[in-house]
Protein backbone atom coordinates (compact mmCIF):
# COMPACT_ATOMS: atom_id res chain seq x y z
CA MET A 1 8.85 -88.11 3.11
CA ARG A 2 9.55 -86.96 6.71
CA ALA A 3 12.55 -85.02 5.49
CA THR A 4 10.53 -83.17 3.00
CA ILE A 5 7.85 -82.25 5.63
CA LYS A 6 10.61 -81.00 7.89
CA ILE A 7 12.06 -78.73 5.02
CA SER A 8 8.57 -77.36 4.25
CA LYS A 9 8.00 -76.43 7.90
CA LEU A 10 11.44 -74.93 8.08
CA ALA A 11 10.80 -72.88 4.97
CA ILE A 12 7.45 -71.71 6.42
CA LEU A 13 9.15 -70.66 9.77
CA LEU A 14 11.81 -68.81 7.80
CA ILE A 15 9.19 -66.94 5.70
CA SER A 16 7.26 -66.00 8.75
CA VAL A 17 10.31 -64.51 10.43
CA VAL A 18 11.14 -62.45 7.42
CA LEU A 19 7.53 -61.12 7.13
CA LEU A 20 7.56 -60.23 10.82
CA VAL A 21 10.78 -58.36 10.47
CA LEU A 22 9.46 -56.45 7.45
CA LEU A 23 6.21 -55.57 9.18
CA SER A 24 8.04 -54.45 12.31
CA SER A 25 10.40 -52.12 10.19
CA THR A 26 7.38 -50.55 8.36
CA ALA A 27 5.60 -49.92 11.66
CA ILE A 28 8.70 -48.16 13.13
CA ALA A 29 9.05 -46.10 9.98
CA VAL A 30 5.57 -44.95 10.14
CA LEU A 31 6.02 -44.00 13.88
CA VAL A 32 9.30 -42.18 13.32
CA ILE A 33 8.84 -40.39 9.93
CA PRO A 34 6.09 -37.58 10.28
CA HIS A 35 3.53 -37.24 7.56
CA SER A 36 3.92 -34.21 5.31
CA ARG A 37 0.86 -31.87 4.85
CA PRO A 38 -0.22 -30.87 1.44
CA VAL A 39 0.89 -27.35 0.48
CA PRO A 40 -2.17 -25.14 -0.37
CA GLN A 41 -1.99 -24.00 -3.93
CA THR A 42 -3.42 -21.14 -5.72
CA ASP A 43 -5.84 -21.49 -8.68
CA GLY A 44 -2.79 -21.24 -11.06
CA GLY A 45 -1.17 -24.26 -9.36
CA ASP A 46 1.67 -22.15 -7.65
CA SER A 47 2.28 -23.26 -4.23
CA SER A 48 3.45 -19.69 -3.13
CA VAL A 49 1.05 -17.67 -1.12
CA ASP A 50 0.73 -14.05 -2.09
CA ALA A 51 1.59 -11.77 0.85
CA GLU A 52 -0.97 -9.23 2.06
CA PRO A 53 -0.03 -5.58 1.14
CA SER A 54 1.39 -3.35 3.79
CA PRO A 55 -1.08 -0.74 5.18
CA SER A 56 1.52 1.82 4.07
CA THR A 57 1.45 0.80 0.41
CA ILE A 58 0.01 3.41 -1.66
CA GLN A 59 -2.83 1.81 -3.63
CA PRO A 60 -3.31 2.45 -7.39
CA GLU A 61 -6.67 4.22 -6.97
CA GLU A 62 -4.88 6.64 -4.67
CA TYR A 63 -2.47 7.63 -7.45
CA ALA A 64 -5.59 8.12 -9.66
CA VAL A 65 -6.92 10.56 -7.12
CA TYR A 66 -3.67 12.26 -6.69
CA SER A 67 -3.44 12.64 -10.58
CA ALA A 68 -6.85 14.07 -10.83
CA LEU A 69 -6.16 16.71 -8.03
CA PHE A 70 -2.80 17.86 -9.93
CA ARG A 71 -4.42 17.84 -13.39
CA THR A 72 -7.02 20.30 -11.89
CA SER A 73 -4.22 22.39 -10.17
CA PHE A 74 -1.85 22.47 -13.14
CA PRO A 75 -4.07 22.42 -16.35
CA ARG A 76 -1.44 23.90 -18.39
CA GLY A 77 1.37 21.70 -17.11
CA GLY A 78 4.59 22.89 -15.52
CA LYS A 79 6.77 21.53 -12.80
CA VAL A 80 5.01 20.03 -9.80
CA LEU A 81 7.16 19.28 -6.73
CA ILE A 82 5.65 16.73 -4.31
CA GLY A 83 7.14 15.49 -1.07
CA ASN A 84 8.01 11.82 -1.41
CA LEU A 85 6.34 10.90 1.93
CA THR A 86 2.61 11.19 2.64
CA VAL A 87 1.63 13.30 5.67
CA ALA A 88 -0.14 11.89 8.67
CA GLY A 89 -2.95 13.28 10.83
CA ASP A 90 -5.60 15.72 10.29
CA LEU A 91 -5.48 19.72 9.68
CA PRO A 92 -6.66 21.55 12.87
CA ASN A 93 -10.12 22.53 11.39
CA PHE A 94 -11.12 19.12 10.00
CA GLU A 95 -14.03 18.40 12.24
CA ALA A 96 -15.65 21.91 11.89
CA GLY A 97 -15.46 22.09 8.18
CA ILE A 98 -16.53 18.58 7.01
CA PRO A 99 -19.32 19.13 4.29
CA ALA A 100 -22.52 17.09 4.74
CA ASP A 101 -21.99 15.19 1.68
CA VAL A 102 -18.71 13.58 2.84
CA GLN A 103 -19.73 10.06 3.81
CA SER A 104 -18.60 8.70 7.30
CA ALA A 105 -17.12 5.58 5.55
CA THR A 106 -14.81 7.98 3.44
CA ILE A 107 -13.71 9.92 6.84
CA ASP A 108 -13.04 6.67 8.56
CA ASP A 109 -10.87 5.32 5.79
CA TYR A 110 -9.09 8.56 5.38
CA ARG A 111 -8.30 8.49 9.15
CA SER A 112 -7.38 4.78 9.19
CA LYS A 113 -4.84 5.30 6.25
CA GLY A 114 -3.52 8.56 7.90
CA ARG A 115 -2.02 6.22 10.71
CA PHE A 116 0.20 4.57 8.05
CA PRO A 117 2.23 7.21 5.98
CA GLY A 118 3.59 5.86 2.83
CA ILE A 119 6.46 6.30 0.34
CA LEU A 120 5.27 7.83 -3.02
CA SER A 121 6.60 6.68 -6.32
CA ASN A 122 6.23 8.77 -9.40
CA ARG A 123 3.18 7.13 -10.67
CA PHE A 124 1.25 10.36 -11.38
CA ASP A 125 -0.76 10.85 -14.61
CA VAL A 126 -0.50 14.65 -15.09
CA PRO A 127 -0.24 15.42 -18.81
CA ARG A 128 2.06 18.30 -19.89
CA ALA A 129 3.35 18.42 -16.32
CA GLU A 130 6.80 17.33 -14.97
CA VAL A 131 6.21 15.62 -11.47
CA ILE A 132 9.34 15.72 -9.40
CA LEU A 133 9.47 13.92 -5.93
CA VAL A 134 11.23 15.88 -3.44
CA GLU A 135 13.05 14.34 -0.44
CA ASP A 136 10.95 14.98 2.63
CA CYS A 137 14.10 15.84 4.57
CA ASP A 138 14.73 18.67 2.20
CA ILE A 139 11.30 20.00 2.76
CA ASP A 140 11.79 19.78 6.52
CA SER A 141 15.18 21.64 6.11
CA VAL A 142 13.85 24.59 4.04
CA LEU A 143 10.89 25.01 6.46
CA HIS A 144 13.53 25.17 9.37
CA ASP A 145 16.20 27.26 7.90
CA GLY A 146 14.41 29.35 5.40
CA ARG A 147 16.93 28.95 2.52
CA TRP A 148 14.37 28.95 -0.27
CA ASP A 149 16.79 30.18 -3.01
CA ALA A 150 18.96 27.17 -2.61
CA PHE A 151 15.82 24.87 -2.42
CA TRP A 152 14.51 26.31 -5.85
CA ARG A 153 17.85 26.01 -7.47
CA LYS A 154 18.17 22.31 -6.52
CA TYR A 155 14.72 21.40 -7.87
CA HIS A 156 14.78 24.05 -10.68
CA SER A 157 11.58 25.46 -9.69
CA GLY A 158 10.26 28.55 -7.89
CA TYR A 159 6.47 28.12 -7.46
CA ALA A 160 5.45 25.73 -4.59
CA VAL A 161 6.25 22.31 -3.14
CA PHE A 162 3.27 20.10 -2.02
CA ARG A 163 2.79 17.63 0.58
CA ILE A 164 -0.23 15.28 0.45
CA SER A 165 -2.01 12.89 2.70
CA ARG A 166 -3.21 9.36 2.07
CA VAL A 167 -6.60 9.10 0.38
CA GLY A 168 -9.77 7.87 2.12
CA PHE A 169 -12.44 6.21 0.11
CA ASN A 170 -16.22 5.34 0.67
CA ARG A 171 -17.28 1.75 0.32
CA ALA A 172 -18.27 2.21 -3.20
CA ARG A 173 -14.96 3.74 -3.81
CA ASP A 174 -16.51 6.63 -5.81
CA GLN A 175 -15.81 9.29 -3.31
CA ALA A 176 -12.37 10.33 -1.97
CA VAL A 177 -11.06 12.71 0.54
CA LEU A 178 -7.42 13.93 1.21
CA HIS A 179 -5.56 16.99 2.45
CA ARG A 180 -2.93 18.78 0.60
CA LEU A 181 -0.38 21.40 1.84
CA SER A 182 1.66 23.67 -0.26
CA PHE A 183 4.70 25.99 0.64
CA GLY A 184 5.88 28.86 -1.65
CA GLY A 185 8.52 30.51 0.34
CA PRO A 186 9.06 32.06 3.78
CA GLY A 187 5.68 32.50 5.38
CA VAL A 188 3.85 31.36 2.34
CA PHE A 189 1.48 28.47 3.29
CA ASN A 190 -1.70 26.95 2.03
CA ALA A 191 -3.54 23.85 3.03
CA ALA A 192 -7.00 22.44 2.29
CA TYR A 193 -9.09 19.24 2.39
CA VAL A 194 -9.97 18.06 -1.23
CA LEU A 195 -13.16 16.05 -1.87
CA LEU A 196 -13.29 14.20 -5.18
CA GLU A 197 -16.03 11.99 -6.84
CA LYS A 198 -15.57 9.28 -9.51
CA ASP A 199 -18.07 9.90 -12.37
CA GLY A 200 -18.09 7.53 -15.42
CA GLY A 201 -14.74 6.03 -14.26
CA VAL A 202 -12.90 9.39 -13.92
CA TRP A 203 -12.09 11.22 -10.76
CA ARG A 204 -12.90 14.93 -10.53
CA VAL A 205 -12.35 17.61 -8.05
CA LYS A 206 -15.73 18.52 -6.51
CA LYS A 207 -14.73 20.94 -3.79
CA GLU A 208 -12.11 22.05 -1.29
CA PHE A 209 -12.86 22.84 2.41
CA GLY A 210 -11.12 23.58 5.80
CA HIS A 211 -8.72 26.04 4.17
CA MET A 212 -5.77 27.37 5.98
CA MET A 213 -3.19 29.90 4.67
CA SER A 214 -0.67 32.57 5.57
């Protein structure tokens, strides 16, 4: 009987030691191994987070405005040469020529985007026209050295090459302003601001202002 009691006490002691060792190991593991945080997920269950677009990214609505501008300028189609980089800054006479119906929010957005020139891709919708993106360095070169014959041969055109700015929108995104420049040869230059309005989901040129030409 006494032997049985001694064995039982020994068994209880051994079990207590084992439990103590296990509990100690668990406590150490909790202290050493950091807790992982849950990864935020999108509505679709994807754990990746969409990156914010760069300020220099040309927005789809800007291409819709560009397309409306060139559809108006080239109603019968033809070749349209456009520099592949948007131009920054204002034309010299911007402040003096702003029409009263241009909203301040439109101007603010135009100037804000103008600080972030963008690279254009050929996403223009100009029926019957062939839009050709021209390397900006080629435009700089021909304006500097005046070798227009070689420029026209390279791009198979002899009419004009355009540079365009980013597009500013009002808060309702139904008014837009940009400026465009065109070069047609030695000393042939034309520039203006263009005001467009969206009516029935379609952008239309309303007026040009702040003209400069030579």
